[in-house]
N, C-alpha and C. Protein backbone atom coordinates (compact mmCIF):
# COMPACT_ATOMS: atom_id res chain seq x y z
N MET A 1 0.81 -1.25 -0.05
CA MET A 1 0.00 -0.12 -0.06
C MET A 1 0.92 1.23 0.00
N GLU A 2 0.37 2.28 -0.63
CA GLU A 2 1.08 3.48 -0.79
C GLU A 2 1.32 4.27 0.60
N ASP A 3 2.23 5.20 0.55
CA ASP A 3 2.39 6.00 1.73
C ASP A 3 1.39 6.92 1.89
N PHE A 4 0.43 7.17 2.95
CA PHE A 4 -0.48 8.07 3.01
C PHE A 4 -0.29 9.14 4.04
N ASN A 5 1.05 9.47 4.18
CA ASN A 5 1.41 10.56 5.09
C ASN A 5 1.25 11.89 4.32
N MET A 6 0.14 12.33 4.60
CA MET A 6 -0.21 13.73 3.81
C MET A 6 -0.40 14.81 4.74
N THR A 7 0.38 14.89 5.83
CA THR A 7 0.25 15.85 6.75
C THR A 7 0.44 17.32 6.13
N HIS A 8 1.33 17.55 5.14
CA HIS A 8 1.43 18.93 4.68
C HIS A 8 1.24 18.97 3.18
N GLU A 9 0.71 17.72 2.58
CA GLU A 9 0.50 17.77 1.23
C GLU A 9 -1.02 18.32 0.96
N ALA A 10 -1.25 18.71 -0.29
CA ALA A 10 -2.61 19.13 -0.69
C ALA A 10 -3.55 17.92 -0.69
N PHE A 11 -4.64 17.99 -0.56
CA PHE A 11 -5.83 16.91 -0.51
C PHE A 11 -5.74 16.34 -1.81
N ASP A 12 -5.55 14.99 -1.82
CA ASP A 12 -5.63 14.13 -2.99
C ASP A 12 -6.73 13.21 -2.90
N PHE A 13 -7.85 13.50 -3.72
CA PHE A 13 -9.04 12.63 -3.60
C PHE A 13 -8.77 11.22 -3.87
N GLU A 14 -7.96 10.93 -4.82
CA GLU A 14 -7.75 9.52 -5.30
C GLU A 14 -7.03 8.74 -4.19
N LYS A 15 -6.08 9.47 -3.39
CA LYS A 15 -5.35 8.77 -2.39
C LYS A 15 -6.46 8.52 -1.14
N MET A 16 -7.28 9.46 -0.92
CA MET A 16 -8.26 9.43 0.19
C MET A 16 -9.32 8.32 -0.09
N ALA A 17 -9.65 8.31 -1.41
CA ALA A 17 -10.71 7.16 -1.76
C ALA A 17 -10.07 5.77 -1.62
N LEU A 18 -8.64 5.77 -1.92
CA LEU A 18 -8.14 4.37 -1.79
C LEU A 18 -7.92 4.07 -0.29
N LEU A 19 -7.50 5.03 0.44
CA LEU A 19 -7.34 4.81 1.98
C LEU A 19 -8.64 4.51 2.49
N ALA A 20 -9.78 5.08 2.09
CA ALA A 20 -11.03 4.75 2.66
C ALA A 20 -11.42 3.42 2.41
N LYS A 21 -11.12 2.94 1.19
CA LYS A 21 -11.36 1.57 0.88
C LYS A 21 -10.51 0.46 1.58
N GLU A 22 -9.24 0.80 1.59
CA GLU A 22 -8.16 -0.19 2.19
C GLU A 22 -8.07 -0.06 3.53
N ASP A 23 -8.20 1.25 4.16
CA ASP A 23 -7.97 1.27 5.62
C ASP A 23 -8.68 2.35 6.32
N PRO A 24 -10.00 2.23 6.43
CA PRO A 24 -10.95 3.34 6.75
C PRO A 24 -10.51 3.91 8.23
N GLN A 25 -10.03 3.07 9.14
CA GLN A 25 -9.63 3.63 10.33
C GLN A 25 -8.35 4.56 10.26
N ALA A 26 -7.50 4.37 9.28
CA ALA A 26 -6.53 5.17 9.08
C ALA A 26 -6.91 6.50 8.46
N LEU A 27 -7.81 6.53 7.57
CA LEU A 27 -8.44 7.83 7.23
C LEU A 27 -8.99 8.54 8.19
N GLU A 28 -9.78 7.87 9.08
CA GLU A 28 -10.52 8.60 10.24
C GLU A 28 -9.37 9.11 11.16
N ASN A 29 -8.36 8.43 11.42
CA ASN A 29 -7.30 8.92 12.15
C ASN A 29 -6.68 10.19 11.59
N TRP A 30 -6.37 10.08 10.16
CA TRP A 30 -5.72 11.25 9.50
C TRP A 30 -6.65 12.46 9.62
N LEU A 31 -7.98 12.25 9.38
CA LEU A 31 -8.89 13.36 9.40
C LEU A 31 -9.06 14.07 10.89
N GLU A 32 -8.98 13.16 11.86
CA GLU A 32 -8.98 13.70 13.29
C GLU A 32 -7.66 14.52 13.49
N GLU A 33 -6.56 14.08 13.04
CA GLU A 33 -5.40 14.75 13.20
C GLU A 33 -5.53 16.11 12.60
N ARG A 34 -5.97 16.22 11.19
CA ARG A 34 -6.04 17.48 10.52
C ARG A 34 -7.04 18.52 11.20
N VAL A 35 -8.18 17.86 11.78
CA VAL A 35 -9.09 18.72 12.54
C VAL A 35 -8.38 19.25 13.77
N GLU A 36 -7.70 18.51 14.43
CA GLU A 36 -7.10 18.90 15.66
C GLU A 36 -6.04 20.10 15.27
N GLU A 37 -5.22 19.86 14.31
CA GLU A 37 -4.30 20.82 13.88
C GLU A 37 -5.00 22.15 13.52
N LEU A 38 -6.13 22.15 12.84
CA LEU A 38 -6.95 23.29 12.37
C LEU A 38 -7.38 24.07 13.73
N ILE A 39 -7.84 23.29 14.59
CA ILE A 39 -8.47 23.90 15.84
C ILE A 39 -7.30 24.55 16.55
N MET A 40 -6.26 23.81 16.80
CA MET A 40 -5.14 24.40 17.52
C MET A 40 -4.41 25.66 16.77
N SER A 41 -4.54 25.78 15.49
CA SER A 41 -4.04 26.82 14.78
C SER A 41 -4.88 27.96 14.82
N SER A 42 -6.13 27.89 15.32
CA SER A 42 -7.20 28.96 15.43
C SER A 42 -6.90 29.82 16.65
N PRO A 43 -7.37 31.09 16.64
CA PRO A 43 -7.29 31.89 17.79
C PRO A 43 -7.92 31.12 19.19
N ILE A 44 -7.23 31.32 20.20
CA ILE A 44 -7.67 30.63 21.37
C ILE A 44 -9.06 30.88 21.70
N GLU A 45 -9.51 32.16 21.46
CA GLU A 45 -10.98 32.49 21.78
C GLU A 45 -12.04 31.83 20.88
N HIS A 46 -11.59 31.07 19.80
CA HIS A 46 -12.40 30.41 19.00
C HIS A 46 -12.38 28.75 19.15
N GLN A 47 -11.31 28.50 19.82
CA GLN A 47 -11.22 27.04 19.95
C GLN A 47 -12.23 26.26 20.69
N HIS A 48 -12.78 26.76 21.64
CA HIS A 48 -13.87 26.17 22.35
C HIS A 48 -15.08 25.94 21.57
N ARG A 49 -15.38 26.98 20.79
CA ARG A 49 -16.53 26.93 19.86
C ARG A 49 -16.35 25.88 18.82
N LEU A 50 -15.10 25.79 18.18
CA LEU A 50 -14.72 24.89 17.24
C LEU A 50 -14.75 23.45 17.64
N ARG A 51 -14.41 23.33 18.92
CA ARG A 51 -14.51 21.96 19.61
C ARG A 51 -15.94 21.47 19.74
N GLY A 52 -16.70 22.51 20.13
CA GLY A 52 -18.24 22.08 20.21
C GLY A 52 -18.85 21.85 18.93
N LEU A 53 -18.45 22.53 17.83
CA LEU A 53 -18.95 22.24 16.48
C LEU A 53 -18.49 20.89 16.04
N GLN A 54 -17.20 20.61 16.30
CA GLN A 54 -16.67 19.41 15.93
C GLN A 54 -17.47 18.24 16.68
N PHE A 55 -17.71 18.47 17.84
CA PHE A 55 -18.39 17.29 18.64
C PHE A 55 -19.81 17.08 18.05
N GLN A 56 -20.48 18.26 17.57
CA GLN A 56 -21.77 18.03 16.90
C GLN A 56 -21.65 17.26 15.63
N ILE A 57 -20.64 17.58 14.85
CA ILE A 57 -20.29 16.82 13.65
C ILE A 57 -20.04 15.50 13.90
N ASP A 58 -19.22 15.16 14.77
CA ASP A 58 -18.94 13.74 15.18
C ASP A 58 -20.21 12.92 15.53
N MET A 59 -21.05 13.57 16.46
CA MET A 59 -22.16 12.95 16.82
C MET A 59 -23.24 12.56 15.70
N GLU A 60 -23.32 13.60 14.82
CA GLU A 60 -24.31 13.41 13.62
C GLU A 60 -23.75 12.25 12.81
N ARG A 61 -22.42 12.26 12.61
CA ARG A 61 -21.81 11.08 11.84
C ARG A 61 -22.10 9.73 12.44
N LYS A 62 -21.94 9.66 13.70
CA LYS A 62 -22.15 8.41 14.46
C LYS A 62 -23.60 7.92 14.52
N ARG A 63 -24.59 8.90 14.50
CA ARG A 63 -25.95 8.67 14.62
C ARG A 63 -26.44 8.27 13.17
N ALA A 64 -25.83 8.72 12.05
CA ALA A 64 -26.34 8.42 10.79
C ALA A 64 -26.23 6.95 10.35
N SER A 65 -27.09 6.45 9.69
CA SER A 65 -27.29 5.01 9.29
C SER A 65 -26.26 4.70 8.28
N ASN A 66 -25.76 5.60 7.53
CA ASN A 66 -24.71 5.36 6.54
C ASN A 66 -24.01 6.62 6.21
N PRO A 67 -22.83 6.61 5.48
CA PRO A 67 -22.20 7.70 5.15
C PRO A 67 -22.92 8.82 4.24
N LEU A 68 -23.84 8.38 3.29
CA LEU A 68 -24.71 9.39 2.70
C LEU A 68 -25.62 10.07 3.61
N ALA A 69 -26.25 9.33 4.51
CA ALA A 69 -27.00 9.97 5.39
C ALA A 69 -26.35 11.03 6.32
N ALA A 70 -25.13 10.75 6.65
CA ALA A 70 -24.26 11.56 7.44
C ALA A 70 -24.01 12.91 6.59
N CYS A 71 -23.65 12.71 5.37
CA CYS A 71 -23.38 13.70 4.50
C CYS A 71 -24.59 14.76 4.35
N ILE A 72 -25.74 14.09 4.15
CA ILE A 72 -26.91 14.91 4.05
C ILE A 72 -27.14 15.61 5.43
N LYS A 73 -27.09 15.05 6.50
CA LYS A 73 -27.39 15.75 7.67
C LYS A 73 -26.31 16.88 7.90
N LEU A 74 -24.99 16.63 7.66
CA LEU A 74 -24.09 17.73 7.77
C LEU A 74 -24.21 18.93 6.79
N SER A 75 -24.71 18.68 5.65
CA SER A 75 -24.98 19.63 4.64
C SER A 75 -26.31 20.41 5.15
N GLN A 76 -27.26 19.71 5.63
CA GLN A 76 -28.41 20.46 6.26
C GLN A 76 -27.89 21.38 7.43
N MET A 77 -27.01 20.86 8.19
CA MET A 77 -26.50 21.76 9.24
C MET A 77 -25.83 23.05 8.76
N MET A 78 -25.07 22.83 7.76
CA MET A 78 -24.36 23.93 7.13
C MET A 78 -25.48 24.83 6.46
N HIS A 79 -26.39 24.41 5.76
CA HIS A 79 -27.40 25.27 5.29
C HIS A 79 -28.12 26.09 6.31
N ASP A 80 -28.48 25.45 7.37
CA ASP A 80 -29.10 26.09 8.56
C ASP A 80 -28.32 27.12 9.15
N SER A 81 -26.99 26.82 9.38
CA SER A 81 -26.23 27.82 9.96
C SER A 81 -26.01 29.00 8.98
N PHE A 82 -25.83 28.75 7.73
CA PHE A 82 -25.80 29.91 6.63
C PHE A 82 -27.01 30.73 6.67
N SER A 83 -28.18 30.03 6.70
CA SER A 83 -29.44 30.73 6.74
C SER A 83 -29.59 31.59 7.99
N LYS A 84 -29.09 31.12 9.27
CA LYS A 84 -29.15 32.10 10.37
C LYS A 84 -28.16 33.18 10.28
N LEU A 85 -27.00 32.97 9.72
CA LEU A 85 -26.10 34.10 9.47
C LEU A 85 -26.68 35.13 8.45
N ARG A 86 -27.31 34.60 7.34
CA ARG A 86 -27.87 35.49 6.33
C ARG A 86 -28.95 36.29 7.05
N HIS A 87 -29.79 35.74 7.82
CA HIS A 87 -30.86 36.49 8.57
C HIS A 87 -30.15 37.67 9.47
N VAL A 88 -29.18 37.18 10.25
CA VAL A 88 -28.55 38.18 11.21
C VAL A 88 -28.03 39.50 10.35
N LEU A 89 -27.17 39.03 9.28
CA LEU A 89 -26.63 40.11 8.41
C LEU A 89 -27.69 40.93 7.77
N ASN A 90 -28.73 40.43 7.38
CA ASN A 90 -30.01 41.19 6.78
C ASN A 90 -30.42 42.07 7.76
N GLU A 91 -30.60 41.66 9.17
CA GLU A 91 -31.14 42.54 10.21
C GLU A 91 -30.02 43.74 10.46
N VAL A 92 -28.85 43.39 10.54
CA VAL A 92 -27.80 44.41 10.75
C VAL A 92 -27.90 45.51 9.63
N GLN A 93 -27.98 44.98 8.42
CA GLN A 93 -27.98 45.83 7.26
C GLN A 93 -29.25 46.77 7.29
N GLN A 94 -30.43 46.13 7.60
CA GLN A 94 -31.59 46.88 7.68
C GLN A 94 -31.69 47.91 8.85
N ASN A 95 -31.11 47.57 10.02
CA ASN A 95 -31.04 48.41 11.09
C ASN A 95 -30.03 49.69 10.78
N ASN A 96 -28.86 49.28 10.19
CA ASN A 96 -27.90 50.33 9.70
C ASN A 96 -28.71 51.38 8.75
N TYR A 97 -29.46 50.79 7.77
CA TYR A 97 -30.28 51.69 6.83
C TYR A 97 -31.12 52.53 7.47
N GLN A 98 -31.92 51.92 8.50
CA GLN A 98 -32.96 52.81 9.17
C GLN A 98 -32.42 53.76 9.99
N SER A 99 -31.22 53.53 10.71
CA SER A 99 -30.65 54.42 11.59
C SER A 99 -30.01 55.64 10.81
N SER A 100 -29.44 55.30 9.64
CA SER A 100 -28.97 56.30 8.86
C SER A 100 -30.05 57.33 8.17
N ASN A 101 -31.27 56.77 8.07
CA ASN A 101 -32.31 57.55 7.40
C ASN A 101 -33.20 58.23 8.42
N GLN A 102 -32.99 57.96 9.74
CA GLN A 102 -33.86 58.39 10.61
C GLN A 102 -33.53 59.90 10.92
N VAL A 103 -34.59 60.69 11.05
CA VAL A 103 -34.57 61.98 11.44
C VAL A 103 -34.72 62.24 12.90
N ASP A 104 -33.74 63.08 13.57
CA ASP A 104 -33.88 63.22 14.82
C ASP A 104 -34.97 64.28 15.20
N PRO A 105 -36.01 63.96 16.02
CA PRO A 105 -37.18 64.76 16.13
C PRO A 105 -36.78 66.00 16.91
N THR A 106 -35.64 66.01 17.74
CA THR A 106 -35.35 67.04 18.41
C THR A 106 -34.52 68.16 17.73
N SER A 107 -34.07 67.75 16.46
CA SER A 107 -33.37 68.71 15.68
C SER A 107 -34.18 69.72 14.97
N GLU A 108 -33.72 70.99 14.82
CA GLU A 108 -34.59 71.84 14.09
C GLU A 108 -34.12 71.93 12.57
N ALA A 109 -35.13 72.17 11.84
CA ALA A 109 -34.91 72.41 10.32
C ALA A 109 -34.30 73.84 10.12
N LYS A 110 -33.39 73.78 9.27
CA LYS A 110 -32.85 75.06 8.89
C LYS A 110 -33.59 75.63 7.57
N ILE A 111 -34.24 76.84 7.63
CA ILE A 111 -35.06 77.25 6.50
C ILE A 111 -34.15 78.28 5.71
N ILE A 112 -34.08 77.97 4.38
CA ILE A 112 -33.40 78.88 3.58
C ILE A 112 -34.35 79.68 2.67
N PRO A 113 -34.40 80.93 2.73
CA PRO A 113 -35.39 81.68 1.96
C PRO A 113 -34.88 81.83 0.55
N PHE A 114 -35.78 81.69 -0.28
CA PHE A 114 -35.57 81.90 -1.77
C PHE A 114 -35.84 83.44 -2.12
N ALA A 115 -34.94 83.91 -2.97
CA ALA A 115 -35.23 85.19 -3.38
C ALA A 115 -36.27 85.23 -4.52
N ARG A 116 -37.08 86.18 -4.50
CA ARG A 116 -38.19 86.34 -5.49
C ARG A 116 -37.69 87.10 -6.69
N SER A 117 -38.11 86.56 -7.84
CA SER A 117 -37.71 87.27 -8.93
C SER A 117 -38.83 88.16 -9.36
N ARG A 118 -38.45 89.35 -9.82
CA ARG A 118 -39.56 90.49 -10.13
C ARG A 118 -39.63 90.71 -11.62
């Protein structure tokens, strides 16, 4: 079997597919190591949230009846998260628009007289 030490290599689908077929546990270990590297390379204030998210992902994968069901569930989770983000961003944008167009009721209007033409 080929060497699957891809720690710093680009992702190679063919190698990963072969590894999944020949040694699924080795692939799982490799993926867990990459996830841990990613979390550890993130700012400390994000690591707790990332670990929580990875826990949710791991649990959904374990609960799924097969890999396709897991993929569908994780895709649904991503779409739900994106939808929530889009909603929040739209609210922020709408609030910014409203606050920039709001007139302060305590301010006084400045009246500029027009000269009459004779």
